[in-house]
Amino acid sequence: MPRHIKKGDSVIITAGNDKGTVGEVIRIVSGKDRVVVKGVNIRARHMKPTQANPQGGIIRREMPIHKSNVSPVVDGKPSRVRFETKKDGSKVRVAARDGSELHKLRGPKA
């Protein structure tokens, strides 16, 4: 199944504690259908002192959220995504809100 979200996309959170927050996708966790968004779903982890980190302390990190809870941002609003094939054979993601092209998936077949 094709992905409607790619790394580097600007997305809006549509459900959960951070609903309405806009951020950039840092990483895709494809095996679990999750994405990591910059500045969203931040959790604190208490680390014991180790040889690598003798101080220990509290580490704050962005944790993954399910891909169904994010949508690409078009003009500050969430948009669904369509996939269209151009005449040259390339496949593109198109925002359903205004028909603008989001990102190229692959080049023409040579």
PDB file of N, CA and C in Angstrom:
ATOM      1  N   MET A   1       0.845  -1.185   0.000  1.00  0.00           N
ATOM      2  CA  MET A   1       0.000   0.000   0.000  1.00  0.00           C
ATOM      3  C   MET A   1       0.893   1.252   0.000  1.00  0.00           C
ATOM      4  N   PRO A   2       0.618   2.194  -0.894  1.00  0.00           N
ATOM      5  CA  PRO A   2       1.467   3.387  -0.951  1.00  0.00           C
ATOM      6  C   PRO A   2       1.297   4.274   0.269  1.00  0.00           C
ATOM      7  N   ARG A   3       2.356   4.992   0.581  1.00  0.00           N
ATOM      8  CA  ARG A   3       2.357   5.883   1.738  1.00  0.00           C
ATOM      9  C   ARG A   3       1.893   7.274   1.356  1.00  0.00           C
ATOM     10  N   HIS A   4       1.055   7.872   2.158  1.00  0.00           N
ATOM     11  CA  HIS A   4       0.621   9.245   1.889  1.00  0.00           C
ATOM     12  C   HIS A   4       1.543  10.258   2.551  1.00  0.00           C
ATOM     13  N   ILE A   5       2.472   9.776   3.389  1.00  0.00           N
ATOM     14  CA  ILE A   5       3.412  10.638   4.101  1.00  0.00           C
ATOM     15  C   ILE A   5       4.833  10.204   3.757  1.00  0.00           C
ATOM     16  N   LYS A   6       5.721  11.162   3.572  1.00  0.00           N
ATOM     17  CA  LYS A   6       7.127  10.884   3.305  1.00  0.00           C
ATOM     18  C   LYS A   6       7.989  11.661   4.297  1.00  0.00           C
ATOM     19  N   LYS A   7       9.234  11.245   4.459  1.00  0.00           N
ATOM     20  CA  LYS A   7      10.179  11.956   5.314  1.00  0.00           C
ATOM     21  C   LYS A   7      10.377  13.364   4.765  1.00  0.00           C
ATOM     22  N   GLY A   8      10.348  14.346   5.661  1.00  0.00           N
ATOM     23  CA  GLY A   8      10.530  15.735   5.258  1.00  0.00           C
ATOM     24  C   GLY A   8       9.238  16.472   4.976  1.00  0.00           C
ATOM     25  N   ASP A   9       8.101  15.762   4.917  1.00  0.00           N
ATOM     26  CA  ASP A   9       6.806  16.412   4.682  1.00  0.00           C
ATOM     27  C   ASP A   9       6.406  17.268   5.877  1.00  0.00           C
ATOM     28  N   SER A  10       5.696  18.336   5.604  1.00  0.00           N
ATOM     29  CA  SER A  10       5.087  19.143   6.657  1.00  0.00           C
ATOM     30  C   SER A  10       3.688  18.593   6.892  1.00  0.00           C
ATOM     31  N   VAL A  11       3.426  18.153   8.131  1.00  0.00           N
ATOM     32  CA  VAL A  11       2.156  17.503   8.435  1.00  0.00           C
ATOM     33  C   VAL A  11       1.471  18.178   9.616  1.00  0.00           C
ATOM     34  N   ILE A  12       0.165  17.947   9.730  1.00  0.00           N
ATOM     35  CA  ILE A  12      -0.613  18.424  10.870  1.00  0.00           C
ATOM     36  C   ILE A  12      -1.145  17.203  11.606  1.00  0.00           C
ATOM     37  N   ILE A  13      -1.151  17.268  12.923  1.00  0.00           N
ATOM     38  CA  ILE A  13      -1.645  16.172  13.746  1.00  0.00           C
ATOM     39  C   ILE A  13      -3.163  16.290  13.819  1.00  0.00           C
ATOM     40  N   THR A  14      -3.870  15.220  13.474  1.00  0.00           N
ATOM     41  CA  THR A  14      -5.336  15.266  13.412  1.00  0.00           C
ATOM     42  C   THR A  14      -6.014  14.602  14.608  1.00  0.00           C
ATOM     43  N   ALA A  15      -5.265  13.900  15.456  1.00  0.00           N
ATOM     44  CA  ALA A  15      -5.865  13.242  16.618  1.00  0.00           C
ATOM     45  C   ALA A  15      -4.823  13.093  17.714  1.00  0.00           C
ATOM     46  N   GLY A  16      -5.275  13.077  18.957  1.00  0.00           N
ATOM     47  CA  GLY A  16      -4.381  12.871  20.093  1.00  0.00           C
ATOM     48  C   GLY A  16      -4.130  14.148  20.873  1.00  0.00           C
ATOM     49  N   ASN A  17      -3.180  14.075  21.807  1.00  0.00           N
ATOM     50  CA  ASN A  17      -2.890  15.213  22.685  1.00  0.00           C
ATOM     51  C   ASN A  17      -2.339  16.419  21.938  1.00  0.00           C
ATOM     52  N   ASP A  18      -1.636  16.189  20.830  1.00  0.00           N
ATOM     53  CA  ASP A  18      -1.017  17.276  20.071  1.00  0.00           C
ATOM     54  C   ASP A  18      -1.846  17.679  18.858  1.00  0.00           C
ATOM     55  N   LYS A  19      -3.147  17.432  18.894  1.00  0.00           N
ATOM     56  CA  LYS A  19      -4.028  17.737  17.761  1.00  0.00           C
ATOM     57  C   LYS A  19      -3.899  19.202  17.350  1.00  0.00           C
ATOM     58  N   GLY A  20      -3.745  19.421  16.030  1.00  0.00           N
ATOM     59  CA  GLY A  20      -3.628  20.774  15.504  1.00  0.00           C
ATOM     60  C   GLY A  20      -2.198  21.257  15.369  1.00  0.00           C
ATOM     61  N   THR A  21      -1.229  20.515  15.893  1.00  0.00           N
ATOM     62  CA  THR A  21       0.169  20.908  15.825  1.00  0.00           C
ATOM     63  C   THR A  21       0.734  20.581  14.444  1.00  0.00           C
ATOM     64  N   VAL A  22       1.521  21.501  13.894  1.00  0.00           N
ATOM     65  CA  VAL A  22       2.162  21.292  12.600  1.00  0.00           C
ATOM     66  C   VAL A  22       3.640  21.014  12.839  1.00  0.00           C
ATOM     67  N   GLY A  23       4.173  20.011  12.149  1.00  0.00           N
ATOM     68  CA  GLY A  23       5.584  19.668  12.289  1.00  0.00           C
ATOM     69  C   GLY A  23       6.098  18.945  11.063  1.00  0.00           C
ATOM     70  N   GLU A  24       7.398  18.667  11.063  1.00  0.00           N
ATOM     71  CA  GLU A  24       8.039  17.996   9.938  1.00  0.00           C
ATOM     72  C   GLU A  24       8.289  16.537  10.298  1.00  0.00           C
ATOM     73  N   VAL A  25       8.073  15.641   9.337  1.00  0.00           N
ATOM     74  CA  VAL A  25       8.316  14.219   9.559  1.00  0.00           C
ATOM     75  C   VAL A  25       9.819  13.979   9.572  1.00  0.00           C
ATOM     76  N   ILE A  26      10.322  13.441  10.696  1.00  0.00           N
ATOM     77  CA  ILE A  26      11.742  13.153  10.861  1.00  0.00           C
ATOM     78  C   ILE A  26      12.072  11.748  10.356  1.00  0.00           C
ATOM     79  N   ARG A  27      11.173  10.803  10.654  1.00  0.00           N
ATOM     80  CA  ARG A  27      11.481   9.399  10.384  1.00  0.00           C
ATOM     81  C   ARG A  27      10.183   8.638  10.175  1.00  0.00           C
ATOM     82  N   ILE A  28      10.237   7.593   9.341  1.00  0.00           N
ATOM     83  CA  ILE A  28       9.108   6.699   9.104  1.00  0.00           C
ATOM     84  C   ILE A  28       9.463   5.340   9.700  1.00  0.00           C
ATOM     85  N   VAL A  29       8.585   4.788  10.527  1.00  0.00           N
ATOM     86  CA  VAL A  29       8.768   3.442  11.074  1.00  0.00           C
ATOM     87  C   VAL A  29       7.804   2.554  10.304  1.00  0.00           C
ATOM     88  N   SER A  30       8.251   1.998   9.169  1.00  0.00           N
ATOM     89  CA  SER A  30       7.355   1.339   8.227  1.00  0.00           C
ATOM     90  C   SER A  30       6.781   0.033   8.755  1.00  0.00           C
ATOM     91  N   GLY A  31       7.515  -0.700   9.564  1.00  0.00           N
ATOM     92  CA  GLY A  31       7.032  -1.977  10.059  1.00  0.00           C
ATOM     93  C   GLY A  31       5.813  -1.857  10.953  1.00  0.00           C
ATOM     94  N   LYS A  32       5.655  -0.710  11.621  1.00  0.00           N
ATOM     95  CA  LYS A  32       4.543  -0.515  12.547  1.00  0.00           C
ATOM     96  C   LYS A  32       3.598   0.591  12.098  1.00  0.00           C
ATOM     97  N   ASP A  33       3.755   1.095  10.852  1.00  0.00           N
ATOM     98  CA  ASP A  33       2.904   2.160  10.302  1.00  0.00           C
ATOM     99  C   ASP A  33       2.905   3.394  11.190  1.00  0.00           C
ATOM    100  N   ARG A  34       4.074   3.799  11.642  1.00  0.00           N
ATOM    101  CA  ARG A  34       4.193   4.963  12.516  1.00  0.00           C
ATOM    102  C   ARG A  34       5.159   5.979  11.935  1.00  0.00           C
ATOM    103  N   VAL A  35       5.007   7.236  12.377  1.00  0.00           N
ATOM    104  CA  VAL A  35       5.900   8.310  11.950  1.00  0.00           C
ATOM    105  C   VAL A  35       6.362   9.085  13.170  1.00  0.00           C
ATOM    106  N   VAL A  36       7.561   9.674  13.070  1.00  0.00           N
ATOM    107  CA  VAL A  36       8.089  10.528  14.128  1.00  0.00           C
ATOM    108  C   VAL A  36       8.063  11.953  13.591  1.00  0.00           C
ATOM    109  N   VAL A  37       7.357  12.842  14.300  1.00  0.00           N
ATOM    110  CA  VAL A  37       7.194  14.230  13.874  1.00  0.00           C
ATOM    111  C   VAL A  37       7.949  15.128  14.846  1.00  0.00           C
ATOM    112  N   LYS A  38       8.696  16.091  14.287  1.00  0.00           N
ATOM    113  CA  LYS A  38       9.514  16.988  15.098  1.00  0.00           C
ATOM    114  C   LYS A  38       8.642  17.817  16.039  1.00  0.00           C
ATOM    115  N   GLY A  39       8.961  17.753  17.344  1.00  0.00           N
ATOM    116  CA  GLY A  39       8.264  18.550  18.343  1.00  0.00           C
ATOM    117  C   GLY A  39       6.911  18.016  18.778  1.00  0.00           C
ATOM    118  N   VAL A  40       6.587  16.792  18.397  1.00  0.00           N
ATOM    119  CA  VAL A  40       5.281  16.220  18.704  1.00  0.00           C
ATOM    120  C   VAL A  40       5.453  14.918  19.488  1.00  0.00           C
ATOM    121  N   ASN A  41       4.573  14.665  20.457  1.00  0.00           N
ATOM    122  CA  ASN A  41       4.570  13.442  21.259  1.00  0.00           C
ATOM    123  C   ASN A  41       5.901  13.260  21.985  1.00  0.00           C
ATOM    124  N   ILE A  42       6.353  14.302  22.678  1.00  0.00           N
ATOM    125  CA  ILE A  42       7.629  14.265  23.396  1.00  0.00           C
ATOM    126  C   ILE A  42       7.442  13.555  24.730  1.00  0.00           C
ATOM    127  N   ARG A  43       8.312  12.593  24.988  1.00  0.00           N
ATOM    128  CA  ARG A  43       8.271  11.824  26.224  1.00  0.00           C
ATOM    129  C   ARG A  43       9.625  11.935  26.922  1.00  0.00           C
ATOM    130  N   ALA A  44       9.619  11.856  28.249  1.00  0.00           N
ATOM    131  CA  ALA A  44      10.844  11.917  29.045  1.00  0.00           C
ATOM    132  C   ALA A  44      11.240  10.506  29.459  1.00  0.00           C
ATOM    133  N   ARG A  45      12.533  10.228  29.360  1.00  0.00           N
ATOM    134  CA  ARG A  45      13.049   8.935  29.789  1.00  0.00           C
ATOM    135  C   ARG A  45      14.151   9.172  30.805  1.00  0.00           C
ATOM    136  N   HIS A  46      14.051   8.527  31.961  1.00  0.00           N
ATOM    137  CA  HIS A  46      15.046   8.663  33.017  1.00  0.00           C
ATOM    138  C   HIS A  46      16.127   7.619  32.796  1.00  0.00           C
ATOM    139  N   MET A  47      17.360   8.088  32.571  1.00  0.00           N
ATOM    140  CA  MET A  47      18.467   7.193  32.257  1.00  0.00           C
ATOM    141  C   MET A  47      19.399   7.054  33.464  1.00  0.00           C
ATOM    142  N   LYS A  48      19.770   5.810  33.750  1.00  0.00           N
ATOM    143  CA  LYS A  48      20.741   5.555  34.804  1.00  0.00           C
ATOM    144  C   LYS A  48      22.125   5.945  34.312  1.00  0.00           C
ATOM    145  N   PRO A  49      23.018   6.312  35.222  1.00  0.00           N
ATOM    146  CA  PRO A  49      24.397   6.576  34.797  1.00  0.00           C
ATOM    147  C   PRO A  49      25.044   5.298  34.250  1.00  0.00           C
ATOM    148  N   THR A  50      25.761   5.446  33.136  1.00  0.00           N
ATOM    149  CA  THR A  50      26.501   4.337  32.538  1.00  0.00           C
ATOM    150  C   THR A  50      27.912   4.832  32.224  1.00  0.00           C
ATOM    151  N   GLN A  51      28.759   3.947  31.729  1.00  0.00           N
ATOM    152  CA  GLN A  51      30.102   4.378  31.354  1.00  0.00           C
ATOM    153  C   GLN A  51      30.051   5.354  30.183  1.00  0.00           C
ATOM    154  N   ALA A  52      29.139   5.122  29.257  1.00  0.00           N
ATOM    155  CA  ALA A  52      29.008   6.017  28.105  1.00  0.00           C
ATOM    156  C   ALA A  52      28.416   7.363  28.514  1.00  0.00           C
ATOM    157  N   ASN A  53      27.497   7.338  29.492  1.00  0.00           N
ATOM    158  CA  ASN A  53      26.839   8.559  29.970  1.00  0.00           C
ATOM    159  C   ASN A  53      26.925   8.577  31.494  1.00  0.00           C
ATOM    160  N   PRO A  54      28.074   8.988  32.063  1.00  0.00           N
ATOM    161  CA  PRO A  54      28.264   8.892  33.513  1.00  0.00           C
ATOM    162  C   PRO A  54      27.342   9.797  34.320  1.00  0.00           C
ATOM    163  N   GLN A  55      26.815  10.838  33.703  1.00  0.00           N
ATOM    164  CA  GLN A  55      25.936  11.760  34.417  1.00  0.00           C
ATOM    165  C   GLN A  55      24.525  11.192  34.582  1.00  0.00           C
ATOM    166  N   GLY A  56      24.075  10.407  33.591  1.00  0.00           N
ATOM    167  CA  GLY A  56      22.690   9.937  33.615  1.00  0.00           C
ATOM    168  C   GLY A  56      21.767  11.096  33.296  1.00  0.00           C
ATOM    169  N   GLY A  57      20.555  11.092  33.811  1.00  0.00           N
ATOM    170  CA  GLY A  57      19.664  12.231  33.651  1.00  0.00           C
ATOM    171  C   GLY A  57      18.382  11.897  32.905  1.00  0.00           C
ATOM    172  N   ILE A  58      17.667  12.948  32.541  1.00  0.00           N
ATOM    173  CA  ILE A  58      16.380  12.817  31.858  1.00  0.00           C
ATOM    174  C   ILE A  58      16.575  13.201  30.388  1.00  0.00           C
ATOM    175  N   ILE A  59      16.182  12.308  29.501  1.00  0.00           N
ATOM    176  CA  ILE A  59      16.292  12.560  28.067  1.00  0.00           C
ATOM    177  C   ILE A  59      14.890  12.722  27.493  1.00  0.00           C
ATOM    178  N   ARG A  60      14.659  13.809  26.775  1.00  0.00           N
ATOM    179  CA  ARG A  60      13.358  14.065  26.141  1.00  0.00           C
ATOM    180  C   ARG A  60      13.478  13.781  24.653  1.00  0.00           C
ATOM    181  N   ARG A  61      12.561  12.943  24.136  1.00  0.00           N
ATOM    182  CA  ARG A  61      12.603  12.534  22.733  1.00  0.00           C
ATOM    183  C   ARG A  61      11.207  12.531  22.128  1.00  0.00           C
ATOM    184  N   GLU A  62      11.154  12.718  20.798  1.00  0.00           N
ATOM    185  CA  GLU A  62       9.896  12.554  20.077  1.00  0.00           C
ATOM    186  C   GLU A  62       9.649  11.060  19.899  1.00  0.00           C
ATOM    187  N   MET A  63       8.452  10.632  20.205  1.00  0.00           N
ATOM    188  CA  MET A  63       8.089   9.233  20.055  1.00  0.00           C
ATOM    189  C   MET A  63       7.167   9.080  18.853  1.00  0.00           C
ATOM    190  N   PRO A  64       7.112   7.871  18.262  1.00  0.00           N
ATOM    191  CA  PRO A  64       6.289   7.670  17.070  1.00  0.00           C
ATOM    192  C   PRO A  64       4.796   7.774  17.354  1.00  0.00           C
ATOM    193  N   ILE A  65       4.042   8.230  16.349  1.00  0.00           N
ATOM    194  CA  ILE A  65       2.586   8.216  16.401  1.00  0.00           C
ATOM    195  C   ILE A  65       2.091   7.521  15.137  1.00  0.00           C
ATOM    196  N   HIS A  66       0.881   7.015  15.159  1.00  0.00           N
ATOM    197  CA  HIS A  66       0.362   6.262  14.025  1.00  0.00           C
ATOM    198  C   HIS A  66       0.156   7.170  12.819  1.00  0.00           C
ATOM    199  N   LYS A  67       0.441   6.644  11.619  1.00  0.00           N
ATOM    200  CA  LYS A  67       0.364   7.464  10.410  1.00  0.00           C
ATOM    201  C   LYS A  67      -1.053   7.920  10.083  1.00  0.00           C
ATOM    202  N   SER A  68      -2.060   7.251  10.631  1.00  0.00           N
ATOM    203  CA  SER A  68      -3.437   7.670  10.380  1.00  0.00           C
ATOM    204  C   SER A  68      -3.786   8.950  11.138  1.00  0.00           C
ATOM    205  N   ASN A  69      -2.949   9.351  12.106  1.00  0.00           N
ATOM    206  CA  ASN A  69      -3.206  10.555  12.893  1.00  0.00           C
ATOM    207  C   ASN A  69      -2.495  11.791  12.355  1.00  0.00           C
ATOM    208  N   VAL A  70      -1.897  11.696  11.159  1.00  0.00           N
ATOM    209  CA  VAL A  70      -1.250  12.848  10.541  1.00  0.00           C
ATOM    210  C   VAL A  70      -1.734  13.006   9.110  1.00  0.00           C
ATOM    211  N   SER A  71      -1.760  14.252   8.637  1.00  0.00           N
ATOM    212  CA  SER A  71      -2.135  14.569   7.259  1.00  0.00           C
ATOM    213  C   SER A  71      -1.219  15.661   6.738  1.00  0.00           C
ATOM    214  N   PRO A  72      -0.909  15.639   5.439  1.00  0.00           N
ATOM    215  CA  PRO A  72      -0.099  16.719   4.873  1.00  0.00           C
ATOM    216  C   PRO A  72      -0.807  18.063   5.007  1.00  0.00           C
ATOM    217  N   VAL A  73      -0.022  19.128   5.181  1.00  0.00           N
ATOM    218  CA  VAL A  73      -0.585  20.465   5.345  1.00  0.00           C
ATOM    219  C   VAL A  73      -0.617  21.169   3.990  1.00  0.00           C
ATOM    220  N   VAL A  74      -1.796  21.698   3.646  1.00  0.00           N
ATOM    221  CA  VAL A  74      -1.960  22.518   2.448  1.00  0.00           C
ATOM    222  C   VAL A  74      -2.692  23.781   2.884  1.00  0.00           C
ATOM    223  N   ASP A  75      -2.038  24.925   2.769  1.00  0.00           N
ATOM    224  CA  ASP A  75      -2.603  26.216   3.186  1.00  0.00           C
ATOM    225  C   ASP A  75      -3.045  26.206   4.648  1.00  0.00           C
ATOM    226  N   GLY A  76      -2.271  25.533   5.508  1.00  0.00           N
ATOM    227  CA  GLY A  76      -2.554  25.512   6.934  1.00  0.00           C
ATOM    228  C   GLY A  76      -3.653  24.558   7.359  1.00  0.00           C
ATOM    229  N   LYS A  77      -4.179  23.757   6.414  1.00  0.00           N
ATOM    230  CA  LYS A  77      -5.247  22.814   6.732  1.00  0.00           C
ATOM    231  C   LYS A  77      -4.844  21.416   6.287  1.00  0.00           C
ATOM    232  N   PRO A  78      -5.388  20.369   6.947  1.00  0.00           N
ATOM    233  CA  PRO A  78      -5.052  18.999   6.547  1.00  0.00           C
ATOM    234  C   PRO A  78      -5.674  18.646   5.203  1.00  0.00           C
ATOM    235  N   SER A  79      -4.999  17.786   4.459  1.00  0.00           N
ATOM    236  CA  SER A  79      -5.492  17.372   3.160  1.00  0.00           C
ATOM    237  C   SER A  79      -5.309  15.870   2.990  1.00  0.00           C
ATOM    238  N   ARG A  80      -6.255  15.238   2.305  1.00  0.00           N
ATOM    239  CA  ARG A  80      -6.075  13.845   1.914  1.00  0.00           C
ATOM    240  C   ARG A  80      -5.161  13.818   0.693  1.00  0.00           C
ATOM    241  N   VAL A  81      -4.716  12.617   0.329  1.00  0.00           N
ATOM    242  CA  VAL A  81      -3.746  12.491  -0.757  1.00  0.00           C
ATOM    243  C   VAL A  81      -4.284  11.539  -1.816  1.00  0.00           C
ATOM    244  N   ARG A  82      -4.134  11.945  -3.090  1.00  0.00           N
ATOM    245  CA  ARG A  82      -4.429  11.081  -4.224  1.00  0.00           C
ATOM    246  C   ARG A  82      -3.110  10.764  -4.917  1.00  0.00           C
ATOM    247  N   PHE A  83      -3.089   9.677  -5.652  1.00  0.00           N
ATOM    248  CA  PHE A  83      -1.920   9.318  -6.446  1.00  0.00           C
ATOM    249  C   PHE A  83      -2.318   9.371  -7.906  1.00  0.00           C
ATOM    250  N   GLU A  84      -1.546  10.108  -8.709  1.00  0.00           N
ATOM    251  CA  GLU A  84      -1.837  10.232 -10.135  1.00  0.00           C
ATOM    252  C   GLU A  84      -0.597   9.867 -10.933  1.00  0.00           C
ATOM    253  N   THR A  85      -0.813   9.315 -12.121  1.00  0.00           N
ATOM    254  CA  THR A  85       0.273   8.991 -13.029  1.00  0.00           C
ATOM    255  C   THR A  85       0.276  10.013 -14.149  1.00  0.00           C
ATOM    256  N   LYS A  86       1.427  10.638 -14.373  1.00  0.00           N
ATOM    257  CA  LYS A  86       1.557  11.623 -15.446  1.00  0.00           C
ATOM    258  C   LYS A  86       1.743  10.925 -16.790  1.00  0.00           C
ATOM    259  N   LYS A  87       1.676  11.699 -17.849  1.00  0.00           N
ATOM    260  CA  LYS A  87       1.830  11.145 -19.198  1.00  0.00           C
ATOM    261  C   LYS A  87       3.215  10.536 -19.422  1.00  0.00           C
ATOM    262  N   ASP A  88       4.232  11.071 -18.736  1.00  0.00           N
ATOM    263  CA  ASP A  88       5.588  10.536 -18.915  1.00  0.00           C
ATOM    264  C   ASP A  88       5.846   9.281 -18.078  1.00  0.00           C
ATOM    265  N   GLY A  89       4.841   8.808 -17.347  1.00  0.00           N
ATOM    266  CA  GLY A  89       4.967   7.576 -16.579  1.00  0.00           C
ATOM    267  C   GLY A  89       5.327   7.772 -15.121  1.00  0.00           C
ATOM    268  N   SER A  90       5.600   9.007 -14.712  1.00  0.00           N
ATOM    269  CA  SER A  90       5.957   9.236 -13.311  1.00  0.00           C
ATOM    270  C   SER A  90       4.694   9.295 -12.450  1.00  0.00           C
ATOM    271  N   LYS A  91       4.830   8.837 -11.235  1.00  0.00           N
ATOM    272  CA  LYS A  91       3.716   8.797 -10.300  1.00  0.00           C
ATOM    273  C   LYS A  91       3.916   9.900  -9.269  1.00  0.00           C
ATOM    274  N   VAL A  92       2.886  10.697  -9.002  1.00  0.00           N
ATOM    275  CA  VAL A  92       3.009  11.821  -8.080  1.00  0.00           C
ATOM    276  C   VAL A  92       1.899  11.770  -7.038  1.00  0.00           C
ATOM    277  N   ARG A  93       2.202  12.356  -5.872  1.00  0.00           N
ATOM    278  CA  ARG A  93       1.193  12.528  -4.827  1.00  0.00           C
ATOM    279  C   ARG A  93       0.542  13.885  -5.036  1.00  0.00           C
ATOM    280  N   VAL A  94      -0.782  13.926  -4.991  1.00  0.00           N
ATOM    281  CA  VAL A  94      -1.528  15.155  -5.235  1.00  0.00           C
ATOM    282  C   VAL A  94      -2.433  15.411  -4.038  1.00  0.00           C
ATOM    283  N   ALA A  95      -2.438  16.651  -3.543  1.00  0.00           N
ATOM    284  CA  ALA A  95      -3.303  17.028  -2.429  1.00  0.00           C
ATOM    285  C   ALA A  95      -4.741  17.100  -2.922  1.00  0.00           C
ATOM    286  N   ALA A  96      -5.646  16.425  -2.232  1.00  0.00           N
ATOM    287  CA  ALA A  96      -7.052  16.417  -2.633  1.00  0.00           C
ATOM    288  C   ALA A  96      -7.697  17.777  -2.380  1.00  0.00           C
ATOM    289  N   ARG A  97      -7.142  18.567  -1.470  1.00  0.00           N
ATOM    290  CA  ARG A  97      -7.729  19.862  -1.121  1.00  0.00           C
ATOM    291  C   ARG A  97      -7.688  20.852  -2.284  1.00  0.00           C
ATOM    292  N   ASP A  98      -6.525  20.964  -2.944  1.00  0.00           N
ATOM    293  CA  ASP A  98      -6.422  21.959  -4.017  1.00  0.00           C
ATOM    294  C   ASP A  98      -5.800  21.420  -5.304  1.00  0.00           C
ATOM    295  N   GLY A  99      -5.455  20.142  -5.342  1.00  0.00           N
ATOM    296  CA  GLY A  99      -4.905  19.552  -6.555  1.00  0.00           C
ATOM    297  C   GLY A  99      -3.433  19.824  -6.778  1.00  0.00           C
ATOM    298  N   SER A 100      -2.745  20.404  -5.790  1.00  0.00           N
ATOM    299  CA  SER A 100      -1.318  20.696  -5.953  1.00  0.00           C
ATOM    300  C   SER A 100      -0.499  19.426  -5.753  1.00  0.00           C
ATOM    301  N   GLU A 101       0.636  19.361  -6.451  1.00  0.00           N
ATOM    302  CA  GLU A 101       1.525  18.211  -6.368  1.00  0.00           C
ATOM    303  C   GLU A 101       2.334  18.283  -5.080  1.00  0.00           C
ATOM    304  N   LEU A 102       2.402  17.163  -4.355  1.00  0.00           N
ATOM    305  CA  LEU A 102       3.124  17.140  -3.076  1.00  0.00           C
ATOM    306  C   LEU A 102       4.583  16.755  -3.255  1.00  0.00           C
ATOM    307  N   HIS A 103       4.844  15.645  -3.943  1.00  0.00           N
ATOM    308  CA  HIS A 103       6.228  15.164  -4.054  1.00  0.00           C
ATOM    309  C   HIS A 103       6.262  14.102  -5.133  1.00  0.00           C
ATOM    310  N   LYS A 104       7.374  14.017  -5.825  1.00  0.00           N
ATOM    311  CA  LYS A 104       7.518  13.012  -6.873  1.00  0.00           C
ATOM    312  C   LYS A 104       7.923  11.682  -6.267  1.00  0.00           C
ATOM    313  N   LEU A 105       7.243  10.591  -6.646  1.00  0.00           N
ATOM    314  CA  LEU A 105       7.573   9.272  -6.113  1.00  0.00           C
ATOM    315  C   LEU A 105       8.713   8.613  -6.873  1.00  0.00           C
ATOM    316  N   ARG A 106       8.631   8.591  -8.195  1.00  0.00           N
ATOM    317  CA  ARG A 106       9.725   8.019  -8.992  1.00  0.00           C
ATOM    318  C   ARG A 106       9.713   8.653 -10.374  1.00  0.00           C
ATOM    319  N   GLY A 107      10.845   8.605 -11.025  1.00  0.00           N
ATOM    320  CA  GLY A 107      10.992   9.231 -12.329  1.00  0.00           C
ATOM    321  C   GLY A 107      10.371   8.397 -13.435  1.00  0.00           C
ATOM    322  N   PRO A 108      10.414   8.885 -14.675  1.00  0.00           N
ATOM    323  CA  PRO A 108       9.853   8.138 -15.789  1.00  0.00           C
ATOM    324  C   PRO A 108      10.641   6.867 -16.050  1.00  0.00           C
ATOM    325  N   LYS A 109       9.957   5.886 -16.599  1.00  0.00           N
ATOM    326  CA  LYS A 109      10.632   4.615 -16.906  1.00  0.00           C
ATOM    327  C   LYS A 109      11.491   4.809 -18.134  1.00  0.00           C
ATOM    328  N   ALA A 110      12.737   4.349 -18.045  1.00  0.00           N
ATOM    329  CA  ALA A 110      13.650   4.537 -19.180  1.00  0.00           C
ATOM    330  C   ALA A 110      13.984   3.218 -19.822  1.00  0.00           C
TER     331      ALA A 110
END
